[in-house]
Amino acid sequence: MSLEKLRSKAFYQNTIDVWIIFCEEKGWEWYDLDAYRRFISYLRSKDISLQKFPLCVKESGGLYERGRDKTKFLEELSHLSSDDTAAYTIKLTGPHLSTIRSFE
């Protein structure tokens, strides 16, 4: 799936799903807590509006396509307490997609 396909499902998405799809596009491993935290910090540094999203760990989707446990990923994030470990909603505009894809 691409970020455009994700956007076609809903214009606002949570950052966990955006992170997973972005990593798929890049061929990166998405199950990396530190990389996700850097991603959130990067989005914040680019002044992208992020609203905290109360993503329920038990209802987050369970096993993801590649067999990784999305619920476990969220649970591990929940044990860390900082703004870069939360799930947020993000509006997937064209400029935001470009900014996301510029993350290294």
N, C-alpha and C. Protein backbone atom coordinates (compact mmCIF):
# COMPACT_ATOMS: atom_id res chain seq x y z
N MET A 1 0.85 -1.18 0.00
CA MET A 1 0.00 0.00 0.00
C MET A 1 0.89 1.24 0.00
N SER A 2 0.40 2.32 -0.57
CA SER A 2 1.13 3.59 -0.59
C SER A 2 0.44 4.59 0.33
N LEU A 3 1.14 5.68 0.60
CA LEU A 3 0.54 6.74 1.42
C LEU A 3 -0.69 7.33 0.72
N GLU A 4 -0.66 7.42 -0.61
CA GLU A 4 -1.82 7.93 -1.34
C GLU A 4 -3.03 7.01 -1.16
N LYS A 5 -2.78 5.72 -1.19
CA LYS A 5 -3.87 4.76 -0.99
C LYS A 5 -4.43 4.88 0.43
N LEU A 6 -3.55 5.05 1.41
CA LEU A 6 -3.99 5.26 2.78
C LEU A 6 -4.83 6.53 2.87
N ARG A 7 -4.38 7.59 2.21
CA ARG A 7 -5.12 8.86 2.21
C ARG A 7 -6.49 8.69 1.57
N SER A 8 -6.60 7.85 0.55
CA SER A 8 -7.88 7.65 -0.12
C SER A 8 -8.91 6.98 0.80
N LYS A 9 -8.44 6.28 1.81
CA LYS A 9 -9.35 5.65 2.78
C LYS A 9 -9.89 6.67 3.76
N ALA A 10 -9.06 7.62 4.17
CA ALA A 10 -9.47 8.70 5.07
C ALA A 10 -8.38 9.76 5.02
N PHE A 11 -8.78 11.01 4.94
CA PHE A 11 -7.83 12.12 4.83
C PHE A 11 -7.00 12.28 6.10
N TYR A 12 -7.59 11.97 7.24
CA TYR A 12 -6.87 12.00 8.51
C TYR A 12 -6.54 10.56 8.90
N GLN A 13 -5.29 10.33 9.26
CA GLN A 13 -4.84 9.00 9.64
C GLN A 13 -4.04 9.09 10.94
N ASN A 14 -3.85 7.95 11.59
CA ASN A 14 -3.00 7.97 12.78
C ASN A 14 -1.55 7.75 12.35
N THR A 15 -0.65 8.29 13.15
CA THR A 15 0.77 8.26 12.78
C THR A 15 1.36 6.85 12.80
N ILE A 16 0.77 5.94 13.54
CA ILE A 16 1.28 4.57 13.55
C ILE A 16 1.08 3.95 12.16
N ASP A 17 -0.13 4.07 11.61
CA ASP A 17 -0.39 3.52 10.27
C ASP A 17 0.41 4.25 9.20
N VAL A 18 0.55 5.56 9.34
CA VAL A 18 1.36 6.33 8.39
C VAL A 18 2.80 5.85 8.45
N TRP A 19 3.32 5.66 9.65
CA TRP A 19 4.68 5.18 9.83
C TRP A 19 4.88 3.80 9.15
N ILE A 20 3.95 2.90 9.36
CA ILE A 20 4.07 1.55 8.80
C ILE A 20 4.06 1.60 7.27
N ILE A 21 3.14 2.36 6.69
CA ILE A 21 3.06 2.45 5.23
C ILE A 21 4.28 3.16 4.66
N PHE A 22 4.72 4.22 5.33
CA PHE A 22 5.93 4.93 4.89
C PHE A 22 7.13 3.99 4.88
N CYS A 23 7.28 3.21 5.93
CA CYS A 23 8.39 2.25 6.00
C CYS A 23 8.31 1.21 4.90
N GLU A 24 7.09 0.77 4.58
CA GLU A 24 6.92 -0.16 3.47
C GLU A 24 7.41 0.46 2.17
N GLU A 25 7.05 1.73 1.94
CA GLU A 25 7.49 2.42 0.72
C GLU A 25 9.01 2.49 0.65
N LYS A 26 9.65 2.73 1.79
CA LYS A 26 11.10 2.88 1.83
C LYS A 26 11.84 1.54 1.91
N GLY A 27 11.10 0.47 2.22
CA GLY A 27 11.75 -0.82 2.42
C GLY A 27 12.43 -0.94 3.77
N TRP A 28 11.95 -0.15 4.73
CA TRP A 28 12.51 -0.15 6.09
C TRP A 28 11.71 -1.05 7.00
N GLU A 29 12.34 -1.45 8.08
CA GLU A 29 11.67 -2.20 9.14
C GLU A 29 10.88 -1.20 9.99
N TRP A 30 9.58 -1.38 10.09
CA TRP A 30 8.76 -0.42 10.83
C TRP A 30 8.77 -0.69 12.33
N TYR A 31 9.14 -1.86 12.73
CA TYR A 31 9.08 -2.23 14.15
C TYR A 31 10.35 -1.77 14.86
N ASP A 32 10.53 -0.45 14.90
CA ASP A 32 11.71 0.16 15.51
C ASP A 32 11.24 1.36 16.31
N LEU A 33 11.19 1.21 17.62
CA LEU A 33 10.66 2.27 18.49
C LEU A 33 11.44 3.57 18.35
N ASP A 34 12.76 3.47 18.31
CA ASP A 34 13.58 4.68 18.21
C ASP A 34 13.35 5.40 16.88
N ALA A 35 13.22 4.65 15.81
CA ALA A 35 12.97 5.27 14.50
C ALA A 35 11.61 5.96 14.49
N TYR A 36 10.59 5.32 15.07
CA TYR A 36 9.27 5.96 15.14
C TYR A 36 9.36 7.26 15.94
N ARG A 37 10.08 7.23 17.05
CA ARG A 37 10.23 8.43 17.88
C ARG A 37 10.92 9.55 17.11
N ARG A 38 11.95 9.20 16.33
CA ARG A 38 12.62 10.21 15.50
C ARG A 38 11.67 10.76 14.43
N PHE A 39 10.83 9.89 13.88
CA PHE A 39 9.84 10.28 12.87
C PHE A 39 8.87 11.32 13.46
N ILE A 40 8.35 11.04 14.64
CA ILE A 40 7.42 11.98 15.28
C ILE A 40 8.13 13.31 15.58
N SER A 41 9.33 13.25 16.09
CA SER A 41 10.10 14.47 16.37
C SER A 41 10.34 15.26 15.08
N TYR A 42 10.62 14.55 14.00
CA TYR A 42 10.83 15.18 12.71
C TYR A 42 9.55 15.91 12.25
N LEU A 43 8.41 15.23 12.32
CA LEU A 43 7.15 15.86 11.91
C LEU A 43 6.88 17.11 12.74
N ARG A 44 7.12 17.02 14.03
CA ARG A 44 6.90 18.18 14.91
C ARG A 44 7.85 19.32 14.54
N SER A 45 9.08 19.00 14.17
CA SER A 45 10.06 20.03 13.81
C SER A 45 9.68 20.74 12.51
N LYS A 46 8.86 20.09 11.70
CA LYS A 46 8.40 20.67 10.43
C LYS A 46 7.05 21.38 10.59
N ASP A 47 6.65 21.58 11.83
CA ASP A 47 5.40 22.29 12.16
C ASP A 47 4.16 21.66 11.55
N ILE A 48 4.16 20.35 11.42
CA ILE A 48 2.97 19.64 10.98
C ILE A 48 2.06 19.48 12.19
N SER A 49 0.82 19.85 12.02
CA SER A 49 -0.14 19.76 13.11
C SER A 49 -0.44 18.30 13.44
N LEU A 50 -0.15 17.93 14.67
CA LEU A 50 -0.41 16.57 15.16
C LEU A 50 -1.31 16.67 16.39
N GLN A 51 -2.38 15.93 16.37
CA GLN A 51 -3.29 15.89 17.51
C GLN A 51 -3.20 14.51 18.14
N LYS A 52 -3.01 14.48 19.47
CA LYS A 52 -2.93 13.18 20.14
C LYS A 52 -4.17 12.36 19.81
N PHE A 53 -3.92 11.09 19.56
CA PHE A 53 -4.97 10.17 19.13
C PHE A 53 -5.06 9.04 20.15
N PRO A 54 -6.21 8.87 20.78
CA PRO A 54 -6.34 7.81 21.79
C PRO A 54 -6.49 6.44 21.14
N LEU A 55 -5.39 5.92 20.62
CA LEU A 55 -5.41 4.63 19.94
C LEU A 55 -5.39 3.52 20.97
N CYS A 56 -6.45 2.75 21.01
CA CYS A 56 -6.58 1.66 21.96
C CYS A 56 -5.68 0.51 21.52
N VAL A 57 -4.79 0.09 22.39
CA VAL A 57 -3.85 -0.97 22.07
C VAL A 57 -4.57 -2.25 21.66
N LYS A 58 -5.62 -2.60 22.33
CA LYS A 58 -6.33 -3.86 22.05
C LYS A 58 -7.09 -3.82 20.72
N GLU A 59 -7.38 -2.62 20.20
CA GLU A 59 -8.16 -2.50 18.97
C GLU A 59 -7.34 -1.94 17.82
N SER A 60 -6.03 -2.04 17.89
CA SER A 60 -5.17 -1.36 16.93
C SER A 60 -4.91 -2.15 15.66
N GLY A 61 -5.32 -3.38 15.59
CA GLY A 61 -5.14 -4.11 14.35
C GLY A 61 -4.41 -5.43 14.49
N GLY A 62 -3.87 -5.71 15.63
CA GLY A 62 -3.22 -7.01 15.83
C GLY A 62 -2.05 -7.24 14.90
N LEU A 63 -1.98 -8.42 14.30
CA LEU A 63 -0.88 -8.74 13.41
C LEU A 63 -0.97 -7.93 12.13
N TYR A 64 0.13 -7.32 11.78
CA TYR A 64 0.17 -6.56 10.55
C TYR A 64 0.56 -7.50 9.41
N GLU A 65 0.45 -7.04 8.16
CA GLU A 65 0.64 -7.88 6.98
C GLU A 65 1.92 -8.70 7.01
N ARG A 66 2.99 -8.16 7.48
CA ARG A 66 4.26 -8.87 7.46
C ARG A 66 4.46 -9.72 8.71
N GLY A 67 3.41 -9.92 9.48
CA GLY A 67 3.49 -10.79 10.63
C GLY A 67 3.97 -10.12 11.90
N ARG A 68 4.24 -8.84 11.84
CA ARG A 68 4.67 -8.13 13.03
C ARG A 68 3.45 -7.76 13.85
N ASP A 69 3.61 -7.75 15.12
CA ASP A 69 2.50 -7.49 16.02
C ASP A 69 2.41 -5.99 16.31
N LYS A 70 1.46 -5.34 15.65
CA LYS A 70 1.24 -3.91 15.82
C LYS A 70 0.83 -3.60 17.26
N THR A 71 0.04 -4.48 17.87
CA THR A 71 -0.39 -4.28 19.24
C THR A 71 0.80 -4.26 20.18
N LYS A 72 1.75 -5.16 19.97
CA LYS A 72 2.95 -5.21 20.82
C LYS A 72 3.77 -3.94 20.64
N PHE A 73 3.87 -3.46 19.42
CA PHE A 73 4.58 -2.21 19.14
C PHE A 73 3.97 -1.07 19.94
N LEU A 74 2.65 -0.94 19.90
CA LEU A 74 1.96 0.12 20.64
C LEU A 74 2.11 -0.06 22.14
N GLU A 75 2.08 -1.28 22.59
CA GLU A 75 2.24 -1.54 24.02
C GLU A 75 3.63 -1.13 24.49
N GLU A 76 4.65 -1.44 23.70
CA GLU A 76 6.01 -1.04 24.06
C GLU A 76 6.14 0.48 24.05
N LEU A 77 5.53 1.15 23.10
CA LEU A 77 5.53 2.62 23.08
C LEU A 77 4.86 3.19 24.32
N SER A 78 3.79 2.53 24.77
CA SER A 78 3.04 3.04 25.91
C SER A 78 3.84 2.99 27.21
N HIS A 79 4.89 2.18 27.26
CA HIS A 79 5.72 2.10 28.46
C HIS A 79 6.71 3.26 28.54
N LEU A 80 6.84 3.99 27.45
CA LEU A 80 7.72 5.16 27.41
C LEU A 80 6.86 6.39 27.56
N SER A 81 7.34 7.36 28.30
CA SER A 81 6.49 8.54 28.52
C SER A 81 7.16 9.81 28.00
N SER A 82 6.90 10.08 26.75
CA SER A 82 7.32 11.35 26.15
C SER A 82 6.40 11.63 24.97
N ASP A 83 6.42 12.85 24.50
CA ASP A 83 5.52 13.23 23.41
C ASP A 83 5.81 12.48 22.11
N ASP A 84 7.03 12.01 21.94
CA ASP A 84 7.36 11.31 20.69
C ASP A 84 7.00 9.83 20.70
N THR A 85 6.35 9.37 21.76
CA THR A 85 5.94 7.96 21.82
C THR A 85 4.43 7.79 21.67
N ALA A 86 3.72 8.88 21.48
CA ALA A 86 2.26 8.82 21.36
C ALA A 86 1.84 8.58 19.91
N ALA A 87 0.59 8.22 19.76
CA ALA A 87 -0.03 8.16 18.43
C ALA A 87 -0.75 9.49 18.22
N TYR A 88 -0.72 9.98 17.01
CA TYR A 88 -1.33 11.26 16.66
C TYR A 88 -2.17 11.09 15.41
N THR A 89 -3.06 12.03 15.18
CA THR A 89 -3.72 12.12 13.88
C THR A 89 -2.94 13.12 13.05
N ILE A 90 -2.88 12.84 11.77
CA ILE A 90 -2.18 13.72 10.84
C ILE A 90 -3.03 13.82 9.58
N LYS A 91 -3.12 15.01 9.05
CA LYS A 91 -3.86 15.24 7.81
C LYS A 91 -2.91 14.97 6.65
N LEU A 92 -3.28 14.07 5.78
CA LEU A 92 -2.40 13.66 4.68
C LEU A 92 -2.60 14.54 3.45
N THR A 93 -2.16 15.77 3.54
CA THR A 93 -2.17 16.68 2.40
C THR A 93 -0.98 16.37 1.51
N GLY A 94 -0.99 16.90 0.31
CA GLY A 94 0.16 16.73 -0.59
C GLY A 94 1.46 17.20 0.02
N PRO A 95 1.48 18.43 0.57
CA PRO A 95 2.72 18.90 1.20
C PRO A 95 3.15 18.03 2.39
N HIS A 96 2.20 17.53 3.16
CA HIS A 96 2.55 16.66 4.28
C HIS A 96 3.14 15.35 3.79
N LEU A 97 2.59 14.81 2.70
CA LEU A 97 3.16 13.58 2.15
C LEU A 97 4.61 13.82 1.69
N SER A 98 4.87 14.97 1.09
CA SER A 98 6.24 15.30 0.67
C SER A 98 7.17 15.40 1.87
N THR A 99 6.69 16.03 2.93
CA THR A 99 7.49 16.15 4.15
C THR A 99 7.75 14.78 4.76
N ILE A 100 6.74 13.95 4.82
CA ILE A 100 6.91 12.59 5.35
C ILE A 100 7.97 11.85 4.54
N ARG A 101 7.88 11.94 3.24
CA ARG A 101 8.81 11.20 2.38
C ARG A 101 10.22 11.76 2.42
N SER A 102 10.40 12.96 2.98
CA SER A 102 11.73 13.54 3.13
C SER A 102 12.45 13.07 4.38
N PHE A 103 11.73 12.35 5.24
CA PHE A 103 12.34 11.84 6.47
C PHE A 103 13.42 10.82 6.13
N GLU A 104 14.56 10.96 6.75
CA GLU A 104 15.67 10.00 6.53
C GLU A 104 15.96 9.26 7.79
